[in-house]
Amino acid sequence: MKTISKFIILFVLLGGFQLTGFSQCKSFTKDYCKPKLHPYIYNGQLNSAVLNQGDVAELMLTFYSNQDYRIVVCAAEELGPVRFRLLDLNGQVLFTNEDHNFIEYWDFRTRATHQLMVEVSVPESVGEEKLLKSGCVSILIGFLDNQ
């Protein structure tokens, strides 16, 4: 019985840490990332996660025809310059911020409706660092009201 109680307590504690991380990531996104969408209108989708150095995350998104978009990928400072790429369904790279000094956003216009993948890569630790750093990474999409 004591063993079961220990597992339940451990499970509750671990769940609490994850909720705290998500809560901090949500605040980071709201306070730090969302203002970078201006003058674009936030689409309301919260796409954020706590990532470690060396992690790669992918997100499929739909972009609609004849619409102006801004994609913002921002990360906690301790992660360093985060690379993001926009790829079509064939894996062709349409944009990479690596070619633009790791800028945190990209503005573009679509001519047709496309499903595209956003790939985010957090750089690996450099040198003799033993501890892996982690931090919030957020992907936000904004659009212009073209009416």
N, C-alpha and C. Protein backbone atom coordinates (compact mmCIF):
# COMPACT_ATOMS: atom_id res chain seq x y z
N MET A 1 0.82 -1.20 0.00
CA MET A 1 0.00 0.00 0.00
C MET A 1 0.86 1.26 0.00
N LYS A 2 1.98 1.23 0.75
CA LYS A 2 2.87 2.38 0.80
C LYS A 2 3.49 2.64 -0.57
N THR A 3 3.80 1.57 -1.29
CA THR A 3 4.39 1.71 -2.62
C THR A 3 3.42 2.40 -3.57
N ILE A 4 2.16 2.02 -3.52
CA ILE A 4 1.14 2.64 -4.38
C ILE A 4 1.00 4.11 -4.02
N SER A 5 1.00 4.43 -2.76
CA SER A 5 0.90 5.83 -2.32
C SER A 5 2.09 6.65 -2.84
N LYS A 6 3.29 6.07 -2.81
CA LYS A 6 4.47 6.77 -3.30
C LYS A 6 4.35 7.05 -4.79
N PHE A 7 3.86 6.06 -5.55
CA PHE A 7 3.68 6.26 -7.00
C PHE A 7 2.65 7.34 -7.30
N ILE A 8 1.58 7.36 -6.54
CA ILE A 8 0.53 8.38 -6.74
C ILE A 8 1.09 9.76 -6.44
N ILE A 9 1.83 9.90 -5.35
CA ILE A 9 2.43 11.19 -4.99
C ILE A 9 3.42 11.62 -6.07
N LEU A 10 4.26 10.69 -6.52
CA LEU A 10 5.23 11.01 -7.57
C LEU A 10 4.51 11.45 -8.85
N PHE A 11 3.46 10.75 -9.23
CA PHE A 11 2.68 11.08 -10.43
C PHE A 11 2.08 12.49 -10.32
N VAL A 12 1.52 12.81 -9.17
CA VAL A 12 0.92 14.13 -8.96
C VAL A 12 1.99 15.22 -9.02
N LEU A 13 3.15 14.98 -8.42
CA LEU A 13 4.23 15.97 -8.45
C LEU A 13 4.73 16.19 -9.88
N LEU A 14 4.95 15.12 -10.63
CA LEU A 14 5.41 15.27 -12.00
C LEU A 14 4.38 15.99 -12.86
N GLY A 15 3.13 15.67 -12.68
CA GLY A 15 2.07 16.36 -13.41
C GLY A 15 2.04 17.84 -13.07
N GLY A 16 2.28 18.18 -11.82
CA GLY A 16 2.31 19.58 -11.40
C GLY A 16 3.45 20.35 -12.05
N PHE A 17 4.62 19.69 -12.18
CA PHE A 17 5.75 20.34 -12.85
C PHE A 17 5.43 20.62 -14.31
N GLN A 18 4.76 19.69 -14.98
CA GLN A 18 4.42 19.89 -16.38
C GLN A 18 3.41 21.02 -16.53
N LEU A 19 2.44 21.08 -15.63
CA LEU A 19 1.46 22.16 -15.68
C LEU A 19 2.13 23.51 -15.43
N THR A 20 3.10 23.55 -14.51
CA THR A 20 3.82 24.78 -14.25
C THR A 20 4.60 25.21 -15.49
N GLY A 21 5.26 24.25 -16.16
CA GLY A 21 6.00 24.56 -17.37
C GLY A 21 5.08 25.09 -18.45
N PHE A 22 3.91 24.47 -18.63
CA PHE A 22 2.96 24.93 -19.63
C PHE A 22 2.46 26.32 -19.28
N SER A 23 2.18 26.56 -18.01
CA SER A 23 1.69 27.86 -17.57
C SER A 23 2.73 28.94 -17.84
N GLN A 24 4.00 28.64 -17.54
CA GLN A 24 5.07 29.61 -17.79
C GLN A 24 5.23 29.85 -19.28
N CYS A 25 5.08 28.80 -20.08
CA CYS A 25 5.20 28.93 -21.53
C CYS A 25 4.04 29.77 -22.08
N LYS A 26 2.87 29.59 -21.53
CA LYS A 26 1.71 30.37 -21.97
C LYS A 26 1.92 31.85 -21.65
N SER A 27 2.44 32.16 -20.48
CA SER A 27 2.73 33.55 -20.11
C SER A 27 3.81 34.14 -21.00
N PHE A 28 4.86 33.36 -21.27
CA PHE A 28 5.94 33.80 -22.15
C PHE A 28 5.38 34.15 -23.53
N THR A 29 4.52 33.28 -24.05
CA THR A 29 3.94 33.50 -25.37
C THR A 29 3.09 34.76 -25.39
N LYS A 30 2.27 34.92 -24.39
CA LYS A 30 1.37 36.09 -24.32
C LYS A 30 2.15 37.39 -24.17
N ASP A 31 3.12 37.40 -23.27
CA ASP A 31 3.83 38.64 -22.95
C ASP A 31 4.95 38.98 -23.94
N TYR A 32 5.65 37.97 -24.43
CA TYR A 32 6.84 38.22 -25.23
C TYR A 32 6.62 38.02 -26.73
N CYS A 33 5.89 36.97 -27.10
CA CYS A 33 5.78 36.60 -28.51
C CYS A 33 4.62 37.28 -29.23
N LYS A 34 3.47 37.30 -28.60
CA LYS A 34 2.26 37.82 -29.25
C LYS A 34 2.43 39.26 -29.76
N PRO A 35 3.08 40.17 -29.02
CA PRO A 35 3.27 41.53 -29.54
C PRO A 35 4.05 41.59 -30.86
N LYS A 36 4.84 40.56 -31.16
CA LYS A 36 5.63 40.54 -32.39
C LYS A 36 4.76 40.31 -33.64
N LEU A 37 3.51 39.95 -33.44
CA LEU A 37 2.58 39.77 -34.56
C LEU A 37 2.10 41.10 -35.14
N HIS A 38 2.12 42.15 -34.34
CA HIS A 38 1.57 43.44 -34.75
C HIS A 38 2.17 43.91 -36.06
N PRO A 39 1.43 44.35 -37.03
CA PRO A 39 0.02 44.72 -37.08
C PRO A 39 -0.91 43.58 -37.53
N TYR A 40 -0.39 42.36 -37.59
CA TYR A 40 -1.20 41.21 -38.00
C TYR A 40 -2.13 40.80 -36.87
N ILE A 41 -3.23 40.15 -37.23
CA ILE A 41 -4.24 39.71 -36.27
C ILE A 41 -3.92 38.27 -35.86
N TYR A 42 -3.80 38.04 -34.58
CA TYR A 42 -3.50 36.72 -34.04
C TYR A 42 -4.64 35.76 -34.38
N ASN A 43 -4.31 34.57 -34.88
CA ASN A 43 -5.35 33.61 -35.27
C ASN A 43 -5.93 32.84 -34.09
N GLY A 44 -5.39 33.03 -32.91
CA GLY A 44 -5.95 32.42 -31.70
C GLY A 44 -5.42 31.05 -31.37
N GLN A 45 -4.58 30.47 -32.20
CA GLN A 45 -4.03 29.14 -31.93
C GLN A 45 -2.73 29.28 -31.14
N LEU A 46 -2.70 28.65 -29.97
CA LEU A 46 -1.50 28.65 -29.13
C LEU A 46 -0.70 27.40 -29.43
N ASN A 47 0.45 27.57 -30.05
CA ASN A 47 1.35 26.47 -30.38
C ASN A 47 2.66 26.71 -29.67
N SER A 48 2.81 26.15 -28.49
CA SER A 48 4.05 26.35 -27.74
C SER A 48 4.39 25.08 -26.98
N ALA A 49 5.68 24.92 -26.70
CA ALA A 49 6.15 23.76 -25.96
C ALA A 49 7.48 24.10 -25.31
N VAL A 50 7.79 23.37 -24.28
CA VAL A 50 9.10 23.47 -23.65
C VAL A 50 10.00 22.48 -24.38
N LEU A 51 11.06 23.00 -25.01
CA LEU A 51 11.99 22.17 -25.76
C LEU A 51 13.37 22.22 -25.14
N ASN A 52 14.15 21.18 -25.38
CA ASN A 52 15.53 21.08 -24.91
C ASN A 52 16.48 21.38 -26.05
N GLN A 53 17.71 21.70 -25.71
CA GLN A 53 18.73 21.88 -26.73
C GLN A 53 18.84 20.61 -27.56
N GLY A 54 18.90 20.77 -28.88
CA GLY A 54 18.98 19.63 -29.78
C GLY A 54 17.64 19.11 -30.26
N ASP A 55 16.53 19.59 -29.69
CA ASP A 55 15.20 19.12 -30.09
C ASP A 55 14.79 19.72 -31.44
N VAL A 56 13.96 18.97 -32.15
CA VAL A 56 13.34 19.43 -33.39
C VAL A 56 11.84 19.18 -33.23
N ALA A 57 11.04 20.19 -33.55
CA ALA A 57 9.58 20.06 -33.48
C ALA A 57 8.99 20.45 -34.82
N GLU A 58 7.89 19.79 -35.18
CA GLU A 58 7.22 20.06 -36.45
C GLU A 58 5.74 20.32 -36.18
N LEU A 59 5.18 21.23 -36.97
CA LEU A 59 3.77 21.58 -36.84
C LEU A 59 3.19 21.78 -38.23
N MET A 60 2.10 21.07 -38.53
CA MET A 60 1.41 21.23 -39.81
C MET A 60 0.35 22.32 -39.65
N LEU A 61 0.33 23.25 -40.61
CA LEU A 61 -0.62 24.35 -40.57
C LEU A 61 -1.21 24.55 -41.96
N THR A 62 -2.44 25.06 -42.01
CA THR A 62 -3.09 25.38 -43.27
C THR A 62 -3.10 26.88 -43.46
N PHE A 63 -2.67 27.32 -44.65
CA PHE A 63 -2.68 28.72 -45.01
C PHE A 63 -3.61 28.88 -46.21
N TYR A 64 -4.51 29.84 -46.13
CA TYR A 64 -5.57 29.99 -47.13
C TYR A 64 -5.20 30.98 -48.22
N SER A 65 -5.78 30.78 -49.41
CA SER A 65 -5.43 31.56 -50.59
C SER A 65 -5.69 33.04 -50.43
N ASN A 66 -4.87 33.82 -51.12
CA ASN A 66 -4.98 35.29 -51.18
C ASN A 66 -5.03 35.94 -49.80
N GLN A 67 -4.18 35.46 -48.92
CA GLN A 67 -4.13 35.97 -47.55
C GLN A 67 -2.70 36.34 -47.21
N ASP A 68 -2.53 37.43 -46.48
CA ASP A 68 -1.22 37.85 -45.99
C ASP A 68 -1.01 37.29 -44.59
N TYR A 69 0.13 36.65 -44.37
CA TYR A 69 0.42 36.01 -43.08
C TYR A 69 1.74 36.50 -42.51
N ARG A 70 1.82 36.43 -41.20
CA ARG A 70 3.10 36.56 -40.48
C ARG A 70 3.20 35.33 -39.58
N ILE A 71 4.33 34.65 -39.69
CA ILE A 71 4.62 33.55 -38.79
C ILE A 71 5.71 34.03 -37.85
N VAL A 72 5.48 33.85 -36.55
CA VAL A 72 6.45 34.25 -35.52
C VAL A 72 6.88 32.98 -34.79
N VAL A 73 8.18 32.78 -34.72
CA VAL A 73 8.74 31.69 -33.92
C VAL A 73 9.70 32.33 -32.93
N CYS A 74 9.30 32.33 -31.68
CA CYS A 74 10.18 32.95 -30.67
C CYS A 74 10.49 31.93 -29.59
N ALA A 75 11.66 32.09 -29.02
CA ALA A 75 12.15 31.11 -28.05
C ALA A 75 12.78 31.82 -26.87
N ALA A 76 12.80 31.13 -25.76
CA ALA A 76 13.46 31.64 -24.57
C ALA A 76 14.93 31.91 -24.88
N GLU A 77 15.43 32.99 -24.36
CA GLU A 77 16.78 33.47 -24.66
C GLU A 77 17.86 32.41 -24.40
N GLU A 78 17.69 31.62 -23.35
CA GLU A 78 18.73 30.65 -22.99
C GLU A 78 18.92 29.55 -24.03
N LEU A 79 18.00 29.41 -24.98
CA LEU A 79 18.13 28.39 -26.02
C LEU A 79 19.03 28.82 -27.17
N GLY A 80 19.31 30.11 -27.27
CA GLY A 80 20.12 30.60 -28.37
C GLY A 80 19.28 30.81 -29.62
N PRO A 81 19.94 31.02 -30.76
CA PRO A 81 19.20 31.29 -31.99
C PRO A 81 18.51 30.02 -32.50
N VAL A 82 17.20 30.05 -32.52
CA VAL A 82 16.40 28.91 -32.96
C VAL A 82 16.14 29.03 -34.46
N ARG A 83 16.36 27.93 -35.19
CA ARG A 83 16.12 27.93 -36.63
C ARG A 83 14.69 27.48 -36.89
N PHE A 84 14.01 28.18 -37.81
CA PHE A 84 12.73 27.66 -38.27
C PHE A 84 12.69 27.67 -39.78
N ARG A 85 12.01 26.65 -40.30
CA ARG A 85 11.86 26.50 -41.74
C ARG A 85 10.39 26.25 -42.04
N LEU A 86 9.96 26.72 -43.19
CA LEU A 86 8.63 26.45 -43.70
C LEU A 86 8.81 25.53 -44.90
N LEU A 87 8.16 24.37 -44.87
CA LEU A 87 8.31 23.38 -45.93
C LEU A 87 6.96 23.00 -46.52
N ASP A 88 6.96 22.68 -47.82
CA ASP A 88 5.73 22.18 -48.42
C ASP A 88 5.62 20.68 -48.14
N LEU A 89 4.55 20.04 -48.62
CA LEU A 89 4.33 18.62 -48.32
C LEU A 89 5.34 17.70 -48.99
N ASN A 90 6.10 18.21 -49.96
CA ASN A 90 7.15 17.42 -50.62
C ASN A 90 8.50 17.59 -49.92
N GLY A 91 8.54 18.39 -48.86
CA GLY A 91 9.78 18.62 -48.12
C GLY A 91 10.63 19.74 -48.68
N GLN A 92 10.12 20.45 -49.69
CA GLN A 92 10.87 21.57 -50.27
C GLN A 92 10.84 22.75 -49.30
N VAL A 93 12.00 23.30 -49.02
CA VAL A 93 12.12 24.44 -48.11
C VAL A 93 11.67 25.70 -48.82
N LEU A 94 10.63 26.35 -48.29
CA LEU A 94 10.12 27.59 -48.86
C LEU A 94 10.77 28.80 -48.20
N PHE A 95 11.15 28.65 -46.94
CA PHE A 95 11.80 29.72 -46.19
C PHE A 95 12.58 29.11 -45.04
N THR A 96 13.74 29.68 -44.76
CA THR A 96 14.48 29.35 -43.55
C THR A 96 15.04 30.65 -42.98
N ASN A 97 14.87 30.83 -41.68
CA ASN A 97 15.39 32.04 -41.05
C ASN A 97 16.91 31.99 -40.91
N GLU A 98 17.49 30.85 -41.16
CA GLU A 98 18.94 30.68 -41.13
C GLU A 98 19.60 31.59 -42.19
N ASP A 99 18.89 31.83 -43.29
CA ASP A 99 19.40 32.69 -44.36
C ASP A 99 19.17 34.18 -44.07
N HIS A 100 18.51 34.48 -42.96
CA HIS A 100 18.15 35.86 -42.62
C HIS A 100 18.53 36.20 -41.18
N ASN A 101 19.72 35.76 -40.77
CA ASN A 101 20.26 36.08 -39.44
C ASN A 101 19.33 35.64 -38.31
N PHE A 102 18.66 34.51 -38.49
CA PHE A 102 17.77 33.90 -37.49
C PHE A 102 16.66 34.85 -37.03
N ILE A 103 16.10 35.60 -37.97
CA ILE A 103 14.98 36.49 -37.68
C ILE A 103 13.83 35.67 -37.08
N GLU A 104 13.04 36.29 -36.22
CA GLU A 104 11.97 35.56 -35.51
C GLU A 104 10.64 35.53 -36.25
N TYR A 105 10.54 36.19 -37.39
CA TYR A 105 9.26 36.18 -38.10
C TYR A 105 9.48 36.22 -39.60
N TRP A 106 8.43 35.87 -40.32
CA TRP A 106 8.44 35.96 -41.77
C TRP A 106 7.05 36.34 -42.25
N ASP A 107 6.98 37.33 -43.12
CA ASP A 107 5.72 37.78 -43.72
C ASP A 107 5.64 37.23 -45.14
N PHE A 108 4.47 36.71 -45.50
CA PHE A 108 4.30 36.18 -46.85
C PHE A 108 2.83 36.23 -47.25
N ARG A 109 2.60 36.08 -48.54
CA ARG A 109 1.24 36.06 -49.11
C ARG A 109 1.07 34.74 -49.86
N THR A 110 -0.08 34.12 -49.69
CA THR A 110 -0.36 32.88 -50.39
C THR A 110 -1.22 33.15 -51.62
N ARG A 111 -0.97 32.39 -52.67
CA ARG A 111 -1.79 32.50 -53.89
C ARG A 111 -2.84 31.40 -53.93
N ALA A 112 -2.56 30.31 -53.23
CA ALA A 112 -3.49 29.18 -53.17
C ALA A 112 -3.48 28.64 -51.74
N THR A 113 -4.48 27.87 -51.40
CA THR A 113 -4.52 27.25 -50.08
C THR A 113 -3.48 26.14 -50.03
N HIS A 114 -2.66 26.15 -48.97
CA HIS A 114 -1.58 25.18 -48.82
C HIS A 114 -1.56 24.66 -47.39
N GLN A 115 -1.19 23.41 -47.28
CA GLN A 115 -0.85 22.86 -45.98
C GLN A 115 0.67 22.82 -45.93
N LEU A 116 1.24 23.48 -44.94
CA LEU A 116 2.70 23.60 -44.84
C LEU A 116 3.16 23.14 -43.46
N MET A 117 4.41 22.73 -43.41
CA MET A 117 5.00 22.32 -42.14
C MET A 117 5.96 23.38 -41.66
N VAL A 118 5.84 23.71 -40.38
CA VAL A 118 6.82 24.57 -39.72
C VAL A 118 7.71 23.64 -38.91
N GLU A 119 9.00 23.71 -39.19
CA GLU A 119 9.98 22.89 -38.48
C GLU A 119 10.86 23.82 -37.65
N VAL A 120 10.95 23.55 -36.37
CA VAL A 120 11.74 24.36 -35.44
C VAL A 120 12.87 23.50 -34.90
N SER A 121 14.10 24.02 -34.96
CA SER A 121 15.28 23.30 -34.45
C SER A 121 15.97 24.15 -33.40
N VAL A 122 16.12 23.58 -32.22
CA VAL A 122 16.83 24.25 -31.14
C VAL A 122 18.29 23.80 -31.22
N PRO A 123 19.24 24.75 -31.21
CA PRO A 123 20.65 24.35 -31.33
C PRO A 123 21.10 23.47 -30.17
N GLU A 124 22.04 22.57 -30.47
CA GLU A 124 22.59 21.70 -29.43
C GLU A 124 23.54 22.50 -28.55
N SER A 125 23.80 21.99 -27.37
CA SER A 125 24.73 22.66 -26.47
C SER A 125 26.13 22.67 -27.09
N VAL A 126 26.86 23.72 -26.80
CA VAL A 126 28.20 23.90 -27.38
C VAL A 126 29.24 23.77 -26.27
N GLY A 127 30.36 23.18 -26.61
CA GLY A 127 31.45 23.09 -25.64
C GLY A 127 31.25 21.96 -24.65
N GLU A 128 31.69 22.22 -23.44
CA GLU A 128 31.68 21.18 -22.42
C GLU A 128 30.52 21.31 -21.45
N GLU A 129 29.47 21.99 -21.85
CA GLU A 129 28.29 22.10 -20.98
C GLU A 129 27.70 20.73 -20.74
N LYS A 130 27.49 20.39 -19.50
CA LYS A 130 26.94 19.09 -19.14
C LYS A 130 25.43 19.14 -19.01
N LEU A 131 24.91 20.28 -18.55
CA LEU A 131 23.47 20.39 -18.34
C LEU A 131 22.79 20.87 -19.61
N LEU A 132 21.75 20.16 -19.98
CA LEU A 132 20.95 20.53 -21.13
C LEU A 132 20.02 21.66 -20.74
N LYS A 133 20.00 22.71 -21.54
CA LYS A 133 19.10 23.82 -21.26
C LYS A 133 17.77 23.56 -21.94
N SER A 134 16.70 24.04 -21.33
CA SER A 134 15.38 23.93 -21.94
C SER A 134 14.67 25.27 -21.79
N GLY A 135 13.68 25.48 -22.65
CA GLY A 135 12.93 26.72 -22.60
C GLY A 135 11.73 26.66 -23.53
N CYS A 136 10.92 27.66 -23.42
CA CYS A 136 9.70 27.74 -24.20
C CYS A 136 9.99 28.16 -25.64
N VAL A 137 9.33 27.51 -26.58
CA VAL A 137 9.37 27.88 -27.99
C VAL A 137 7.92 27.99 -28.44
N SER A 138 7.59 29.12 -29.06
CA SER A 138 6.22 29.36 -29.51
C SER A 138 6.17 29.65 -31.00
N ILE A 139 5.13 29.14 -31.63
CA ILE A 139 4.85 29.41 -33.04
C ILE A 139 3.49 30.08 -33.10
N LEU A 140 3.47 31.31 -33.59
CA LEU A 140 2.21 32.06 -33.69
C LEU A 140 1.99 32.47 -35.15
N ILE A 141 0.73 32.49 -35.53
CA ILE A 141 0.36 32.88 -36.89
C ILE A 141 -0.59 34.08 -36.80
N GLY A 142 -0.30 35.08 -37.63
CA GLY A 142 -1.17 36.24 -37.74
C GLY A 142 -1.53 36.47 -39.20
N PHE A 143 -2.63 37.17 -39.41
CA PHE A 143 -3.06 37.48 -40.78
C PHE A 143 -3.52 38.92 -40.83
N LEU A 144 -3.53 39.47 -42.04
CA LEU A 144 -4.02 40.82 -42.23
C LEU A 144 -5.47 40.77 -42.68
N ASP A 145 -6.26 41.70 -42.21
CA ASP A 145 -7.65 41.81 -42.64
C ASP A 145 -7.66 42.51 -43.98
N ASN A 146 -7.80 41.75 -45.06
CA ASN A 146 -7.71 42.30 -46.42
C ASN A 146 -9.03 42.83 -46.96
N GLN A 147 -10.00 43.04 -46.13
CA GLN A 147 -11.30 43.50 -46.62
C GLN A 147 -11.37 44.99 -46.73
